[in-house]
C-alpha atoms as a PDB file:
ATOM      1  CA  UNK A   1      -4.466  36.102  -4.773  1.00  0.00           C
ATOM      2  CA  UNK A   2      -3.448  34.325  -1.554  1.00  0.00           C
ATOM      3  CA  UNK A   3      -4.264  36.334   1.516  1.00  0.00           C
ATOM      4  CA  UNK A   4      -3.060  35.788   5.069  1.00  0.00           C
ATOM      5  CA  UNK A   5      -5.960  34.309   7.002  1.00  0.00           C
ATOM      6  CA  UNK A   6      -5.192  35.021  10.642  1.00  0.00           C
ATOM      7  CA  UNK A   7      -7.023  37.614  12.680  1.00  0.00           C
ATOM      8  CA  UNK A   8      -3.932  38.035  14.854  1.00  0.00           C
ATOM      9  CA  UNK A   9      -1.457  39.115  12.158  1.00  0.00           C
ATOM     10  CA  UNK A  10       0.594  42.226  12.916  1.00  0.00           C
ATOM     11  CA  UNK A  11       0.085  45.434  11.023  1.00  0.00           C
ATOM     12  CA  UNK A  12       3.763  45.519  10.060  1.00  0.00           C
ATOM     13  CA  UNK A  13       3.548  42.025   8.524  1.00  0.00           C
ATOM     14  CA  UNK A  14       5.501  40.246  11.252  1.00  0.00           C
ATOM     15  CA  UNK A  15       3.960  37.132  12.771  1.00  0.00           C
ATOM     16  CA  UNK A  16       4.517  36.136  16.388  1.00  0.00           C
ATOM     17  CA  UNK A  17       7.404  33.727  16.665  1.00  0.00           C
ATOM     18  CA  UNK A  18       6.433  30.092  16.156  1.00  0.00           C
ATOM     19  CA  UNK A  19       2.730  30.703  15.520  1.00  0.00           C
ATOM     20  CA  UNK A  20       2.907  30.054  11.788  1.00  0.00           C
ATOM     21  CA  UNK A  21       5.018  26.956  12.410  1.00  0.00           C
ATOM     22  CA  UNK A  22       2.565  25.572  14.966  1.00  0.00           C
ATOM     23  CA  UNK A  23      -0.361  25.996  12.560  1.00  0.00           C
ATOM     24  CA  UNK A  24       1.556  24.371   9.709  1.00  0.00           C
ATOM     25  CA  UNK A  25       2.866  21.480  11.798  1.00  0.00           C
ATOM     26  CA  UNK A  26      -0.476  20.724  13.440  1.00  0.00           C
ATOM     27  CA  UNK A  27      -2.278  20.771  10.096  1.00  0.00           C
ATOM     28  CA  UNK A  28       0.268  18.372   8.626  1.00  0.00           C
ATOM     29  CA  UNK A  29       0.159  16.093  11.672  1.00  0.00           C
ATOM     30  CA  UNK A  30      -3.638  15.987  11.563  1.00  0.00           C
ATOM     31  CA  UNK A  31      -3.551  14.700   7.993  1.00  0.00           C
ATOM     32  CA  UNK A  32      -0.650  12.288   8.502  1.00  0.00           C
ATOM     33  CA  UNK A  33      -1.780  10.724  11.782  1.00  0.00           C
ATOM     34  CA  UNK A  34      -5.403  10.619  10.660  1.00  0.00           C
ATOM     35  CA  UNK A  35      -4.468   8.788   7.487  1.00  0.00           C
ATOM     36  CA  UNK A  36      -2.214   6.387   9.371  1.00  0.00           C
ATOM     37  CA  UNK A  37      -4.943   5.629  11.920  1.00  0.00           C
ATOM     38  CA  UNK A  38      -7.355   4.976   9.048  1.00  0.00           C
ATOM     39  CA  UNK A  39      -4.942   2.432   7.564  1.00  0.00           C
ATOM     40  CA  UNK A  40      -4.618   0.737  10.949  1.00  0.00           C
ATOM     41  CA  UNK A  41      -8.401   0.524  11.241  1.00  0.00           C
ATOM     42  CA  UNK A  42      -8.664  -0.834   7.705  1.00  0.00           C
ATOM     43  CA  UNK A  43      -6.053  -3.501   8.415  1.00  0.00           C
ATOM     44  CA  UNK A  44      -7.947  -4.542  11.552  1.00  0.00           C
ATOM     45  CA  UNK A  45     -11.141  -4.993   9.529  1.00  0.00           C
ATOM     46  CA  UNK A  46      -9.227  -6.911   6.854  1.00  0.00           C
ATOM     47  CA  UNK A  47      -7.688  -9.211   9.469  1.00  0.00           C
ATOM     48  CA  UNK A  48     -11.167  -9.988  10.805  1.00  0.00           C
ATOM     49  CA  UNK A  49     -12.309 -11.046   7.334  1.00  0.00           C
ATOM     50  CA  UNK A  50     -14.109  -7.857   6.304  1.00  0.00           C
ATOM     51  CA  UNK A  51     -15.048  -7.297   2.667  1.00  0.00           C
ATOM     52  CA  UNK A  52     -13.205  -4.735   0.532  1.00  0.00           C
ATOM     53  CA  UNK A  53     -16.132  -2.306   0.583  1.00  0.00           C
ATOM     54  CA  UNK A  54     -16.370  -2.559   4.354  1.00  0.00           C
ATOM     55  CA  UNK A  55     -12.649  -1.830   4.654  1.00  0.00           C
ATOM     56  CA  UNK A  56     -13.024   1.222   2.413  1.00  0.00           C
ATOM     57  CA  UNK A  57     -15.950   2.555   4.472  1.00  0.00           C
ATOM     58  CA  UNK A  58     -14.096   2.089   7.765  1.00  0.00           C
ATOM     59  CA  UNK A  59     -10.975   3.795   6.438  1.00  0.00           C
ATOM     60  CA  UNK A  60     -12.942   6.696   4.964  1.00  0.00           C
ATOM     61  CA  UNK A  61     -15.018   7.281   8.090  1.00  0.00           C
ATOM     62  CA  UNK A  62     -11.972   7.045  10.347  1.00  0.00           C
ATOM     63  CA  UNK A  63     -10.022   9.567   8.293  1.00  0.00           C
ATOM     64  CA  UNK A  64     -12.926  12.018   8.043  1.00  0.00           C
ATOM     65  CA  UNK A  65     -13.898  11.777  11.731  1.00  0.00           C
ATOM     66  CA  UNK A  66     -10.317  12.391  12.859  1.00  0.00           C
ATOM     67  CA  UNK A  67      -8.977  14.925  10.363  1.00  0.00           C
ATOM     68  CA  UNK A  68     -11.978  17.211   9.812  1.00  0.00           C
ATOM     69  CA  UNK A  69     -12.629  17.950  13.524  1.00  0.00           C
ATOM     70  CA  UNK A  70      -8.863  18.407  14.051  1.00  0.00           C
ATOM     71  CA  UNK A  71      -8.780  20.983  11.259  1.00  0.00           C
ATOM     72  CA  UNK A  72     -11.596  22.988  12.785  1.00  0.00           C
ATOM     73  CA  UNK A  73     -10.034  22.797  16.257  1.00  0.00           C
ATOM     74  CA  UNK A  74      -6.785  24.176  14.833  1.00  0.00           C
ATOM     75  CA  UNK A  75      -8.690  26.882  12.996  1.00  0.00           C
ATOM     76  CA  UNK A  76     -10.542  27.890  16.153  1.00  0.00           C
ATOM     77  CA  UNK A  77      -7.503  27.681  18.432  1.00  0.00           C
ATOM     78  CA  UNK A  78      -5.398  29.968  16.248  1.00  0.00           C
ATOM     79  CA  UNK A  79      -8.318  32.193  15.192  1.00  0.00           C
ATOM     80  CA  UNK A  80      -7.879  31.630  11.493  1.00  0.00           C
ATOM     81  CA  UNK A  81     -10.627  33.635   9.846  1.00  0.00           C
ATOM     82  CA  UNK A  82     -10.770  31.749   6.544  1.00  0.00           C
ATOM     83  CA  UNK A  83     -14.022  29.809   6.164  1.00  0.00           C
ATOM     84  CA  UNK A  84     -12.652  26.687   4.573  1.00  0.00           C
ATOM     85  CA  UNK A  85     -15.808  24.959   3.323  1.00  0.00           C
ATOM     86  CA  UNK A  86     -18.825  27.267   3.215  1.00  0.00           C
ATOM     87  CA  UNK A  87     -21.247  25.557   0.822  1.00  0.00           C
ATOM     88  CA  UNK A  88     -22.529  28.645  -0.966  1.00  0.00           C
ATOM     89  CA  UNK A  89     -23.946  28.777  -4.508  1.00  0.00           C
ATOM     90  CA  UNK A  90     -20.574  30.106  -5.691  1.00  0.00           C
ATOM     91  CA  UNK A  91     -18.785  27.253  -3.912  1.00  0.00           C
ATOM     92  CA  UNK A  92     -21.078  24.746  -5.628  1.00  0.00           C
ATOM     93  CA  UNK A  93     -20.138  26.242  -8.992  1.00  0.00           C
ATOM     94  CA  UNK A  94     -16.466  25.960  -8.021  1.00  0.00           C
ATOM     95  CA  UNK A  95     -17.025  22.277  -7.198  1.00  0.00           C
ATOM     96  CA  UNK A  96     -18.651  21.650 -10.571  1.00  0.00           C
ATOM     97  CA  UNK A  97     -16.041  23.707 -12.401  1.00  0.00           C
ATOM     98  CA  UNK A  98     -13.127  21.862 -10.852  1.00  0.00           C
ATOM     99  CA  UNK A  99     -14.691  18.488 -11.631  1.00  0.00           C
ATOM    100  CA  UNK A 100     -15.687  19.457 -15.164  1.00  0.00           C
ATOM    101  CA  UNK A 101     -12.176  20.681 -15.930  1.00  0.00           C
ATOM    102  CA  UNK A 102     -10.642  17.304 -15.049  1.00  0.00           C
ATOM    103  CA  UNK A 103     -13.178  15.459 -17.212  1.00  0.00           C
ATOM    104  CA  UNK A 104     -12.731  17.924 -20.070  1.00  0.00           C
ATOM    105  CA  UNK A 105      -8.950  17.571 -20.009  1.00  0.00           C
ATOM    106  CA  UNK A 106      -9.315  13.795 -19.962  1.00  0.00           C
ATOM    107  CA  UNK A 107     -11.567  13.969 -23.016  1.00  0.00           C
ATOM    108  CA  UNK A 108      -9.059  16.240 -24.763  1.00  0.00           C
ATOM    109  CA  UNK A 109      -6.331  13.750 -23.917  1.00  0.00           C
ATOM    110  CA  UNK A 110      -8.219  10.938 -25.621  1.00  0.00           C
ATOM    111  CA  UNK A 111      -8.948  13.176 -28.625  1.00  0.00           C
ATOM    112  CA  UNK A 112      -5.272  14.082 -29.010  1.00  0.00           C
ATOM    113  CA  UNK A 113      -3.940  10.552 -28.586  1.00  0.00           C
ATOM    114  CA  UNK A 114      -6.721   9.213 -30.826  1.00  0.00           C
ATOM    115  CA  UNK A 115      -5.888  11.700 -33.586  1.00  0.00           C
ATOM    116  CA  UNK A 116      -2.225  10.703 -33.357  1.00  0.00           C
ATOM    117  CA  UNK A 117      -3.117   7.003 -33.489  1.00  0.00           C
ATOM    118  CA  UNK A 118      -1.737   6.360 -30.006  1.00  0.00           C
ATOM    119  CA  UNK A 119      -5.068   5.173 -28.560  1.00  0.00           C
ATOM    120  CA  UNK A 120      -8.169   3.630 -30.102  1.00  0.00           C
ATOM    121  CA  UNK A 121     -11.456   3.349 -28.216  1.00  0.00           C
ATOM    122  CA  UNK A 122     -13.001   0.004 -29.103  1.00  0.00           C
ATOM    123  CA  UNK A 123     -16.001  -0.273 -26.735  1.00  0.00           C
ATOM    124  CA  UNK A 124     -18.141   1.718 -24.312  1.00  0.00           C
ATOM    125  CA  UNK A 125     -19.684   0.187 -21.201  1.00  0.00           C
ATOM    126  CA  UNK A 126     -22.715   1.836 -19.612  1.00  0.00           C
ATOM    127  CA  UNK A 127     -24.539   0.036 -16.815  1.00  0.00           C
ATOM    128  CA  UNK A 128     -26.288   0.633 -13.510  1.00  0.00           C
ATOM    129  CA  UNK A 129     -23.564  -1.364 -11.767  1.00  0.00           C
ATOM    130  CA  UNK A 130     -20.920   0.973 -13.169  1.00  0.00           C
ATOM    131  CA  UNK A 131     -22.827   4.056 -12.023  1.00  0.00           C
ATOM    132  CA  UNK A 132     -23.218   2.602  -8.530  1.00  0.00           C
ATOM    133  CA  UNK A 133     -19.514   1.733  -8.413  1.00  0.00           C
ATOM    134  CA  UNK A 134     -18.557   5.277  -9.456  1.00  0.00           C
ATOM    135  CA  UNK A 135     -20.933   6.773  -6.877  1.00  0.00           C
ATOM    136  CA  UNK A 136     -19.578   4.569  -4.084  1.00  0.00           C
ATOM    137  CA  UNK A 137     -15.962   5.231  -5.049  1.00  0.00           C
ATOM    138  CA  UNK A 138     -16.599   8.989  -5.204  1.00  0.00           C
ATOM    139  CA  UNK A 139     -18.160   9.030  -1.738  1.00  0.00           C
ATOM    140  CA  UNK A 140     -15.209   7.104  -0.304  1.00  0.00           C
ATOM    141  CA  UNK A 141     -12.745   9.389  -2.103  1.00  0.00           C
ATOM    142  CA  UNK A 142     -14.505  12.463  -0.720  1.00  0.00           C
ATOM    143  CA  UNK A 143     -14.290  11.255   2.889  1.00  0.00           C
ATOM    144  CA  UNK A 144     -10.908   9.520   2.738  1.00  0.00           C
ATOM    145  CA  UNK A 145      -8.911  11.677   0.332  1.00  0.00           C
ATOM    146  CA  UNK A 146     -10.367  14.851  -1.142  1.00  0.00           C
ATOM    147  CA  UNK A 147     -12.008  16.578   1.825  1.00  0.00           C
ATOM    148  CA  UNK A 148      -9.374  15.724   4.501  1.00  0.00           C
ATOM    149  CA  UNK A 149      -6.464  16.558   2.190  1.00  0.00           C
ATOM    150  CA  UNK A 150      -7.872  19.859   0.990  1.00  0.00           C
ATOM    151  CA  UNK A 151      -8.883  21.003   4.466  1.00  0.00           C
ATOM    152  CA  UNK A 152      -5.561  20.090   6.038  1.00  0.00           C
ATOM    153  CA  UNK A 153      -2.992  20.709   3.267  1.00  0.00           C
ATOM    154  CA  UNK A 154      -4.479  23.424   1.023  1.00  0.00           C
ATOM    155  CA  UNK A 155      -6.433  24.817   3.978  1.00  0.00           C
ATOM    156  CA  UNK A 156      -4.621  24.826   7.322  1.00  0.00           C
ATOM    157  CA  UNK A 157      -1.052  24.054   6.195  1.00  0.00           C
ATOM    158  CA  UNK A 158      -1.008  26.589   3.373  1.00  0.00           C
ATOM    159  CA  UNK A 159      -2.660  29.246   5.545  1.00  0.00           C
ATOM    160  CA  UNK A 160       0.008  28.700   8.200  1.00  0.00           C
ATOM    161  CA  UNK A 161       2.820  28.960   5.662  1.00  0.00           C
ATOM    162  CA  UNK A 162       1.403  32.169   4.215  1.00  0.00           C
ATOM    163  CA  UNK A 163       1.606  33.814   7.625  1.00  0.00           C
ATOM    164  CA  UNK A 164       5.385  33.755   7.233  1.00  0.00           C
ATOM    165  CA  UNK A 165       6.274  33.063   3.596  1.00  0.00           C
ATOM    166  CA  UNK A 166       5.537  34.743   0.255  1.00  0.00           C
ATOM    167  CA  UNK A 167       3.149  32.911  -2.041  1.00  0.00           C
ATOM    168  CA  UNK A 168       5.778  31.191  -4.204  1.00  0.00           C
ATOM    169  CA  UNK A 169       7.634  29.827  -1.157  1.00  0.00           C
ATOM    170  CA  UNK A 170       4.399  28.736   0.537  1.00  0.00           C
ATOM    171  CA  UNK A 171       3.426  26.927  -2.673  1.00  0.00           C
ATOM    172  CA  UNK A 172       6.653  24.971  -2.742  1.00  0.00           C
ATOM    173  CA  UNK A 173       6.635  24.182   0.968  1.00  0.00           C
ATOM    174  CA  UNK A 174       2.999  23.040   0.933  1.00  0.00           C
ATOM    175  CA  UNK A 175       3.574  20.719  -2.034  1.00  0.00           C
ATOM    176  CA  UNK A 176       6.656  19.205  -0.405  1.00  0.00           C
ATOM    177  CA  UNK A 177       4.742  18.633   2.832  1.00  0.00           C
ATOM    178  CA  UNK A 178       1.923  17.094   0.781  1.00  0.00           C
ATOM    179  CA  UNK A 179       4.368  14.570  -0.699  1.00  0.00           C
ATOM    180  CA  UNK A 180       5.796  13.903   2.753  1.00  0.00           C
ATOM    181  CA  UNK A 181       2.400  12.688   4.024  1.00  0.00           C
ATOM    182  CA  UNK A 182       2.301   9.309   2.179  1.00  0.00           C
ATOM    183  CA  UNK A 183       6.043   8.876   2.677  1.00  0.00           C
ATOM    184  CA  UNK A 184       5.616   9.242   6.439  1.00  0.00           C
ATOM    185  CA  UNK A 185       2.496   7.069   6.561  1.00  0.00           C
ATOM    186  CA  UNK A 186       4.341   4.311   4.669  1.00  0.00           C
ATOM    187  CA  UNK A 187       7.196   4.489   7.141  1.00  0.00           C
ATOM    188  CA  UNK A 188       4.820   4.391  10.110  1.00  0.00           C
ATOM    189  CA  UNK A 189       3.168   1.332   8.600  1.00  0.00           C
ATOM    190  CA  UNK A 190       6.549  -0.369   8.277  1.00  0.00           C
ATOM    191  CA  UNK A 191       7.476   0.445  11.875  1.00  0.00           C
ATOM    192  CA  UNK A 192       4.091  -0.911  13.008  1.00  0.00           C
ATOM    193  CA  UNK A 193       4.513  -4.178  11.121  1.00  0.00           C
ATOM    194  CA  UNK A 194       1.770  -3.362   8.626  1.00  0.00           C
ATOM    195  CA  UNK A 195       1.965  -3.790   4.889  1.00  0.00           C
ATOM    196  CA  UNK A 196       3.077  -0.606   3.158  1.00  0.00           C
ATOM    197  CA  UNK A 197       0.540   1.221   1.026  1.00  0.00           C
ATOM    198  CA  UNK A 198       1.578   2.821  -2.251  1.00  0.00           C
ATOM    199  CA  UNK A 199       5.039   2.130  -3.582  1.00  0.00           C
ATOM    200  CA  UNK A 200       7.059   5.322  -3.113  1.00  0.00           C
ATOM    201  CA  UNK A 201       9.223   5.779  -6.206  1.00  0.00           C
ATOM    202  CA  UNK A 202      10.377   8.663  -8.402  1.00  0.00           C
ATOM    203  CA  UNK A 203       7.331   8.490 -10.682  1.00  0.00           C
ATOM    204  CA  UNK A 204       4.945   8.583  -7.724  1.00  0.00           C
ATOM    205  CA  UNK A 205       6.726  11.546  -6.146  1.00  0.00           C
ATOM    206  CA  UNK A 206       6.708  13.512  -9.418  1.00  0.00           C
ATOM    207  CA  UNK A 207       3.006  12.818  -9.867  1.00  0.00           C
ATOM    208  CA  UNK A 208       2.241  14.016  -6.322  1.00  0.00           C
ATOM    209  CA  UNK A 209       4.323  17.157  -6.791  1.00  0.00           C
ATOM    210  CA  UNK A 210       2.399  18.083  -9.926  1.00  0.00           C
ATOM    211  CA  UNK A 211      -0.974  17.024  -8.514  1.00  0.00           C
ATOM    212  CA  UNK A 212      -0.438  19.078  -5.359  1.00  0.00           C
ATOM    213  CA  UNK A 213       0.481  22.078  -7.501  1.00  0.00           C
ATOM    214  CA  UNK A 214      -2.722  21.781  -9.541  1.00  0.00           C
ATOM    215  CA  UNK A 215      -4.864  21.639  -6.402  1.00  0.00           C
ATOM    216  CA  UNK A 216      -3.081  24.644  -4.889  1.00  0.00           C
ATOM    217  CA  UNK A 217      -3.520  26.617  -8.109  1.00  0.00           C
ATOM    218  CA  UNK A 218      -7.252  25.929  -7.973  1.00  0.00           C
ATOM    219  CA  UNK A 219      -7.433  27.397  -4.476  1.00  0.00           C
ATOM    220  CA  UNK A 220      -5.499  30.475  -5.580  1.00  0.00           C
ATOM    221  CA  UNK A 221      -7.670  31.037  -8.640  1.00  0.00           C
ATOM    222  CA  UNK A 222     -11.051  30.622  -6.937  1.00  0.00           C
ATOM    223  CA  UNK A 223     -10.271  31.338  -3.285  1.00  0.00           C
ATOM    224  CA  UNK A 224     -12.247  28.174  -2.489  1.00  0.00           C
ATOM    225  CA  UNK A 225     -11.302  24.625  -1.570  1.00  0.00           C
ATOM    226  CA  UNK A 226     -14.377  23.313  -3.371  1.00  0.00           C
ATOM    227  CA  UNK A 227     -12.745  23.724  -6.783  1.00  0.00           C
ATOM    228  CA  UNK A 228      -9.795  21.659  -5.560  1.00  0.00           C
ATOM    229  CA  UNK A 229     -12.165  19.015  -4.177  1.00  0.00           C
ATOM    230  CA  UNK A 230     -14.113  18.877  -7.444  1.00  0.00           C
ATOM    231  CA  UNK A 231     -10.965  18.414  -9.507  1.00  0.00           C
ATOM    232  CA  UNK A 232      -9.622  15.871  -7.000  1.00  0.00           C
ATOM    233  CA  UNK A 233     -12.777  13.727  -7.128  1.00  0.00           C
ATOM    234  CA  UNK A 234     -13.207  13.854 -10.917  1.00  0.00           C
ATOM    235  CA  UNK A 235      -9.531  13.059 -11.463  1.00  0.00           C
ATOM    236  CA  UNK A 236      -9.705   9.980  -9.223  1.00  0.00           C
ATOM    237  CA  UNK A 237     -12.933   8.761 -10.834  1.00  0.00           C
ATOM    238  CA  UNK A 238     -11.518   9.182 -14.333  1.00  0.00           C
ATOM    239  CA  UNK A 239      -8.269   7.439 -13.411  1.00  0.00           C
ATOM    240  CA  UNK A 240     -10.060   4.480 -11.824  1.00  0.00           C
ATOM    241  CA  UNK A 241     -12.976   4.014 -14.212  1.00  0.00           C
ATOM    242  CA  UNK A 242     -11.670   5.307 -17.541  1.00  0.00           C
ATOM    243  CA  UNK A 243      -7.895   5.367 -17.916  1.00  0.00           C
ATOM    244  CA  UNK A 244      -6.941   2.325 -15.839  1.00  0.00           C
ATOM    245  CA  UNK A 245      -8.512  -0.663 -17.553  1.00  0.00           C
ATOM    246  CA  UNK A 246     -10.158  -2.504 -14.661  1.00  0.00           C
ATOM    247  CA  UNK A 247     -13.101  -4.911 -14.524  1.00  0.00           C
ATOM    248  CA  UNK A 248     -15.525  -2.006 -14.173  1.00  0.00           C
ATOM    249  CA  UNK A 249     -14.633   0.625 -16.729  1.00  0.00           C
ATOM    250  CA  UNK A 250     -16.492   3.191 -18.814  1.00  0.00           C
ATOM    251  CA  UNK A 251     -14.608   2.243 -21.957  1.00  0.00           C
ATOM    252  CA  UNK A 252     -12.068  -0.153 -23.405  1.00  0.00           C
ATOM    253  CA  UNK A 253      -9.231   1.205 -25.507  1.00  0.00           C
ATOM    254  CA  UNK A 254      -6.058  -0.032 -27.161  1.00  0.00           C
ATOM    255  CA  UNK A 255      -2.687   1.684 -26.845  1.00  0.00           C
ATOM    256  CA  UNK A 256      -0.020   1.873 -29.506  1.00  0.00           C
ATOM    257  CA  UNK A 257       2.538   1.901 -26.707  1.00  0.00           C
ATOM    258  CA  UNK A 258       1.790   0.481 -23.270  1.00  0.00           C
ATOM    259  CA  UNK A 259       1.277   3.210 -20.688  1.00  0.00           C
ATOM    260  CA  UNK A 260      -0.001   5.873 -23.089  1.00  0.00           C
ATOM    261  CA  UNK A 261      -3.191   6.326 -21.071  1.00  0.00           C
ATOM    262  CA  UNK A 262      -1.640   6.782 -17.618  1.00  0.00           C
ATOM    263  CA  UNK A 263       1.422   8.703 -18.795  1.00  0.00           C
ATOM    264  CA  UNK A 264       0.202  10.874 -21.679  1.00  0.00           C
ATOM    265  CA  UNK A 265      -3.482  11.370 -20.844  1.00  0.00           C
ATOM    266  CA  UNK A 266      -3.661  11.076 -17.055  1.00  0.00           C
ATOM    267  CA  UNK A 267      -0.368  12.762 -16.202  1.00  0.00           C
ATOM    268  CA  UNK A 268       0.606  14.776 -19.267  1.00  0.00           C
ATOM    269  CA  UNK A 269      -2.737  16.255 -20.311  1.00  0.00           C
ATOM    270  CA  UNK A 270      -4.900  16.169 -17.182  1.00  0.00           C
ATOM    271  CA  UNK A 271      -2.335  17.078 -14.514  1.00  0.00           C
ATOM    272  CA  UNK A 272       0.435  18.954 -16.326  1.00  0.00           C
ATOM    273  CA  UNK A 273      -1.913  20.517 -18.876  1.00  0.00           C
ATOM    274  CA  UNK A 274      -4.313  21.714 -16.180  1.00  0.00           C
ATOM    275  CA  UNK A 275      -1.420  23.084 -14.110  1.00  0.00           C
ATOM    276  CA  UNK A 276      -0.202  25.101 -17.086  1.00  0.00           C
ATOM    277  CA  UNK A 277      -3.633  26.558 -17.813  1.00  0.00           C
ATOM    278  CA  UNK A 278      -4.292  27.425 -14.163  1.00  0.00           C
ATOM    279  CA  UNK A 279      -0.894  29.087 -13.886  1.00  0.00           C
ATOM    280  CA  UNK A 280      -1.683  31.267 -16.901  1.00  0.00           C
ATOM    281  CA  UNK A 281      -5.109  32.183 -15.487  1.00  0.00           C
ATOM    282  CA  UNK A 282      -3.600  33.076 -12.108  1.00  0.00           C
ATOM    283  CA  UNK A 283      -0.893  35.230 -13.684  1.00  0.00           C
ATOM    284  CA  UNK A 284      -3.423  36.929 -15.948  1.00  0.00           C
ATOM    285  CA  UNK A 285      -5.713  37.717 -13.008  1.00  0.00           C
ATOM    286  CA  UNK A 286      -2.842  39.061 -10.920  1.00  0.00           C
ATOM    287  CA  UNK A 287      -1.743  41.282 -13.802  1.00  0.00           C
ATOM    288  CA  UNK A 288      -5.266  42.643 -14.212  1.00  0.00           C
ATOM    289  CA  UNK A 289      -5.445  43.465 -10.512  1.00  0.00           C
ATOM    290  CA  UNK A 290      -2.125  45.276 -10.617  1.00  0.00           C
ATOM    291  CA  UNK A 291      -3.212  47.260 -13.663  1.00  0.00           C
ATOM    292  CA  UNK A 292      -6.521  48.164 -12.029  1.00  0.00           C
ATOM    293  CA  UNK A 293      -4.819  49.352  -8.840  1.00  0.00           C
ATOM    294  CA  UNK A 294      -2.474  51.721 -10.704  1.00  0.00           C
END
């Protein structure tokens, strides 16, 4: 399910001392420092009076131009044989499948909460402006969040961990390192005199732990980072333009209890529900492989 991806691994399963740690640490540093530099660049544009869209473009381009080349340099330096983002027909299907699953689970969430009387959709809003906003947001999310995170965390970092650790331990370590990225970036912002980004609290940490697990499960199931990217992008678009009731939104809905959308639909159904289904699929596939090999 999760294979070691180094051409220099020993036949007896032992990895040269420190190699796995160097790969893991460099992958994590690439993501963390790239993201921090992007926030610094965004703050500089904001201080000069730049518009919100301009700030988003600068941050996204900075993150992508720093993290993506760093990932490939690490991959080349340590001779990791995994091709992280080959855009093959199968990879394209993985991208669509990951995205469709997030949208499907979101729709199921609204169906469940609607049937229980917890949410009521009262209006739909279709417009060219909304489509353009979704397209722009998705492009920014791809460059600033989805592609750099998947390449560095589910790509390089996880591959480095698997050189030394069994799958279950590498899962846990990768998810913890994933959570540590925004925590570290926030602290670097504070030390630099910049405004902190997201508020780091228990709810945010729990959400990241579960979200990171879902993305890792997608890689394990498909062997491709494109499924993780597809789910990542669709999840962000749905959260921003459907569940969170902003000025530009696909629909307007009422909640019986405040927070039903973000807590029950976004977290409970989309993230936790998807994690449960992917876990079952992964276990089922592993069992089939073991049965076939006997």
